[in-house]
């Protein structure tokens, strides 16, 4: 069920400035802001730990740099 909230024009302008795409809604912007403060899931924490372990063991040789990807794509 949708609801209506009242916000100041100042806050409306701040939210509008945070839109990534012109078609983003204020709800999209608020969800993005809330997501930034949410706790990582246990699965995500495990994945990060595995990647950190791999980097400590093998360095960065299992990864492709952004520069290499751009070169491969002809950018």
N, C-alpha and C. Protein backbone atom coordinates (compact mmCIF):
# COMPACT_ATOMS: atom_id res chain seq x y z
N UNK A 1 0.85 -1.17 0.00
CA UNK A 1 0.00 0.00 0.00
C UNK A 1 0.89 1.23 0.00
N UNK A 2 0.66 2.13 -0.90
CA UNK A 2 1.44 3.35 -1.00
C UNK A 2 0.94 4.37 0.00
N UNK A 3 1.83 5.26 0.40
CA UNK A 3 1.45 6.33 1.31
C UNK A 3 2.11 7.62 0.83
N UNK A 4 1.61 8.71 1.33
CA UNK A 4 2.15 10.02 0.97
C UNK A 4 2.87 10.60 2.18
N UNK A 5 4.03 11.21 1.94
CA UNK A 5 4.76 11.89 3.01
C UNK A 5 4.99 13.33 2.61
N UNK A 6 5.16 14.18 3.59
CA UNK A 6 5.47 15.57 3.32
C UNK A 6 6.94 15.81 3.59
N UNK A 7 7.59 16.47 2.65
CA UNK A 7 8.99 16.85 2.81
C UNK A 7 9.13 18.31 2.39
N UNK A 8 10.17 18.92 2.89
CA UNK A 8 10.41 20.31 2.53
C UNK A 8 10.91 20.40 1.09
N UNK A 9 10.81 21.57 0.52
CA UNK A 9 11.34 21.79 -0.82
C UNK A 9 12.84 21.58 -0.85
N UNK A 10 13.50 21.94 0.26
CA UNK A 10 14.95 21.76 0.35
C UNK A 10 15.31 20.27 0.25
N UNK A 11 14.60 19.42 1.00
CA UNK A 11 14.87 17.99 0.94
C UNK A 11 14.51 17.43 -0.43
N UNK A 12 13.42 17.89 -1.00
CA UNK A 12 13.02 17.45 -2.34
C UNK A 12 14.13 17.75 -3.34
N UNK A 13 14.72 18.94 -3.25
CA UNK A 13 15.81 19.31 -4.15
C UNK A 13 17.04 18.43 -3.93
N UNK A 14 17.34 18.13 -2.66
CA UNK A 14 18.49 17.25 -2.36
C UNK A 14 18.27 15.85 -2.92
N UNK A 15 17.06 15.33 -2.78
CA UNK A 15 16.75 14.00 -3.31
C UNK A 15 16.81 14.02 -4.83
N UNK A 16 16.29 15.06 -5.44
CA UNK A 16 16.31 15.16 -6.89
C UNK A 16 17.74 15.18 -7.42
N UNK A 17 18.64 15.82 -6.68
CA UNK A 17 20.05 15.89 -7.10
C UNK A 17 20.73 14.53 -7.02
N UNK A 18 20.19 13.61 -6.23
CA UNK A 18 20.78 12.28 -6.07
C UNK A 18 20.25 11.26 -7.08
N UNK A 19 19.32 11.66 -7.93
CA UNK A 19 18.80 10.74 -8.93
C UNK A 19 19.92 10.35 -9.89
N UNK A 20 20.03 9.06 -10.15
CA UNK A 20 21.04 8.56 -11.08
C UNK A 20 20.53 8.71 -12.51
N UNK A 21 19.27 8.48 -12.70
CA UNK A 21 18.62 8.56 -14.01
C UNK A 21 17.43 9.49 -13.88
N UNK A 22 17.14 10.28 -14.88
CA UNK A 22 16.00 11.21 -14.80
C UNK A 22 14.67 10.54 -14.47
N UNK A 23 14.52 9.27 -14.85
CA UNK A 23 13.26 8.58 -14.57
C UNK A 23 13.20 7.96 -13.17
N UNK A 24 14.29 8.05 -12.41
CA UNK A 24 14.27 7.54 -11.04
C UNK A 24 13.20 8.28 -10.24
N UNK A 25 12.55 7.55 -9.38
CA UNK A 25 11.56 8.16 -8.48
C UNK A 25 12.25 8.52 -7.18
N UNK A 26 11.56 9.32 -6.37
CA UNK A 26 12.12 9.63 -5.06
C UNK A 26 12.21 8.36 -4.22
N UNK A 27 11.31 7.43 -4.44
CA UNK A 27 11.38 6.15 -3.73
C UNK A 27 12.67 5.42 -4.09
N UNK A 28 13.06 5.43 -5.36
CA UNK A 28 14.32 4.81 -5.78
C UNK A 28 15.50 5.43 -5.04
N UNK A 29 15.49 6.76 -4.96
CA UNK A 29 16.58 7.47 -4.31
C UNK A 29 16.64 7.12 -2.83
N UNK A 30 15.48 7.09 -2.18
CA UNK A 30 15.44 6.76 -0.75
C UNK A 30 15.90 5.33 -0.51
N UNK A 31 15.47 4.39 -1.35
CA UNK A 31 15.92 3.00 -1.21
C UNK A 31 17.44 2.92 -1.35
N UNK A 32 18.01 3.66 -2.31
CA UNK A 32 19.47 3.66 -2.48
C UNK A 32 20.17 4.18 -1.22
N UNK A 33 19.62 5.22 -0.62
CA UNK A 33 20.20 5.78 0.59
C UNK A 33 20.10 4.80 1.76
N UNK A 34 18.97 4.15 1.89
CA UNK A 34 18.77 3.19 2.97
C UNK A 34 19.68 1.98 2.77
N UNK A 35 19.81 1.54 1.54
CA UNK A 35 20.64 0.37 1.24
C UNK A 35 22.08 0.60 1.67
N UNK A 36 22.56 1.84 1.53
CA UNK A 36 23.94 2.15 1.91
C UNK A 36 24.20 1.95 3.40
N UNK A 37 23.16 1.93 4.22
CA UNK A 37 23.34 1.77 5.67
C UNK A 37 22.98 0.38 6.16
N UNK A 38 22.56 -0.49 5.25
CA UNK A 38 22.14 -1.83 5.66
C UNK A 38 23.34 -2.74 5.90
N UNK A 39 23.16 -3.70 6.76
CA UNK A 39 24.19 -4.70 7.07
C UNK A 39 24.34 -5.65 5.88
N UNK A 40 25.58 -6.05 5.62
CA UNK A 40 25.82 -7.03 4.56
C UNK A 40 25.28 -8.39 4.98
N UNK A 41 24.79 -9.16 4.03
CA UNK A 41 24.30 -10.50 4.34
C UNK A 41 25.47 -11.41 4.68
N UNK A 42 25.17 -12.48 5.35
CA UNK A 42 26.22 -13.44 5.72
C UNK A 42 26.89 -14.02 4.47
N UNK A 43 26.09 -14.27 3.43
CA UNK A 43 26.65 -14.79 2.18
C UNK A 43 27.64 -13.80 1.58
N UNK A 44 27.29 -12.53 1.57
CA UNK A 44 28.19 -11.50 1.04
C UNK A 44 29.46 -11.42 1.86
N UNK A 45 29.33 -11.50 3.18
CA UNK A 45 30.51 -11.47 4.05
C UNK A 45 31.43 -12.66 3.76
N UNK A 46 30.84 -13.85 3.53
CA UNK A 46 31.65 -15.03 3.21
C UNK A 46 32.36 -14.84 1.87
N UNK A 47 31.63 -14.30 0.88
CA UNK A 47 32.24 -14.08 -0.44
C UNK A 47 33.41 -13.10 -0.35
N UNK A 48 33.25 -12.05 0.42
CA UNK A 48 34.32 -11.07 0.59
C UNK A 48 35.52 -11.73 1.26
N UNK A 49 35.27 -12.54 2.28
CA UNK A 49 36.36 -13.23 2.99
C UNK A 49 37.11 -14.17 2.04
N UNK A 50 36.38 -14.87 1.18
CA UNK A 50 37.02 -15.77 0.21
C UNK A 50 37.89 -15.00 -0.78
N UNK A 51 37.39 -13.88 -1.24
CA UNK A 51 38.17 -13.06 -2.19
C UNK A 51 39.41 -12.51 -1.51
N UNK A 52 39.27 -12.04 -0.27
CA UNK A 52 40.43 -11.54 0.47
C UNK A 52 41.48 -12.63 0.66
N UNK A 53 41.00 -13.84 0.97
CA UNK A 53 41.91 -14.98 1.14
C UNK A 53 42.64 -15.29 -0.16
N UNK A 54 41.91 -15.27 -1.28
CA UNK A 54 42.50 -15.52 -2.59
C UNK A 54 43.55 -14.46 -2.93
N UNK A 55 43.25 -13.21 -2.63
CA UNK A 55 44.20 -12.13 -2.92
C UNK A 55 45.46 -12.30 -2.08
N UNK A 56 45.30 -12.65 -0.81
CA UNK A 56 46.48 -12.84 0.05
C UNK A 56 47.34 -14.00 -0.46
N UNK A 57 46.69 -15.05 -0.96
CA UNK A 57 47.41 -16.23 -1.43
C UNK A 57 48.03 -16.01 -2.81
N UNK A 58 47.26 -15.45 -3.74
CA UNK A 58 47.67 -15.38 -5.15
C UNK A 58 47.93 -13.98 -5.67
N UNK A 59 47.73 -12.98 -4.84
CA UNK A 59 47.85 -11.61 -5.33
C UNK A 59 46.68 -11.30 -6.25
N UNK A 60 46.89 -10.40 -7.17
CA UNK A 60 45.82 -9.96 -8.05
C UNK A 60 45.86 -10.64 -9.41
N UNK A 61 46.63 -11.71 -9.56
CA UNK A 61 46.77 -12.34 -10.88
C UNK A 61 45.47 -12.97 -11.38
N UNK A 62 44.52 -13.26 -10.49
CA UNK A 62 43.24 -13.85 -10.90
C UNK A 62 42.21 -12.79 -11.29
N UNK A 63 42.63 -11.53 -11.29
CA UNK A 63 41.71 -10.44 -11.57
C UNK A 63 42.16 -9.70 -12.82
N UNK A 64 41.21 -9.06 -13.48
CA UNK A 64 41.49 -8.26 -14.67
C UNK A 64 41.29 -6.79 -14.31
N UNK A 65 42.27 -5.97 -14.64
CA UNK A 65 42.15 -4.55 -14.32
C UNK A 65 41.15 -3.87 -15.26
N UNK A 66 40.63 -2.75 -14.81
CA UNK A 66 39.70 -1.99 -15.63
C UNK A 66 40.38 -1.54 -16.92
N UNK A 67 41.65 -1.19 -16.83
CA UNK A 67 42.39 -0.77 -18.02
C UNK A 67 42.47 -1.90 -19.05
N UNK A 68 42.70 -3.13 -18.57
CA UNK A 68 42.76 -4.29 -19.48
C UNK A 68 41.41 -4.54 -20.14
N UNK A 69 40.34 -4.40 -19.37
CA UNK A 69 39.00 -4.61 -19.92
C UNK A 69 38.70 -3.57 -20.98
N UNK A 70 39.03 -2.30 -20.68
CA UNK A 70 38.81 -1.24 -21.66
C UNK A 70 39.60 -1.51 -22.94
N UNK A 71 40.84 -1.96 -22.77
CA UNK A 71 41.69 -2.25 -23.94
C UNK A 71 41.06 -3.37 -24.77
N UNK A 72 40.62 -4.42 -24.11
CA UNK A 72 39.99 -5.55 -24.81
C UNK A 72 38.73 -5.12 -25.55
N UNK A 73 38.01 -4.13 -25.00
CA UNK A 73 36.77 -3.67 -25.61
C UNK A 73 37.00 -2.55 -26.62
N UNK A 74 38.26 -2.14 -26.76
CA UNK A 74 38.59 -1.09 -27.72
C UNK A 74 38.15 0.29 -27.26
N UNK A 75 38.12 0.50 -25.98
CA UNK A 75 37.69 1.81 -25.44
C UNK A 75 38.88 2.65 -25.05
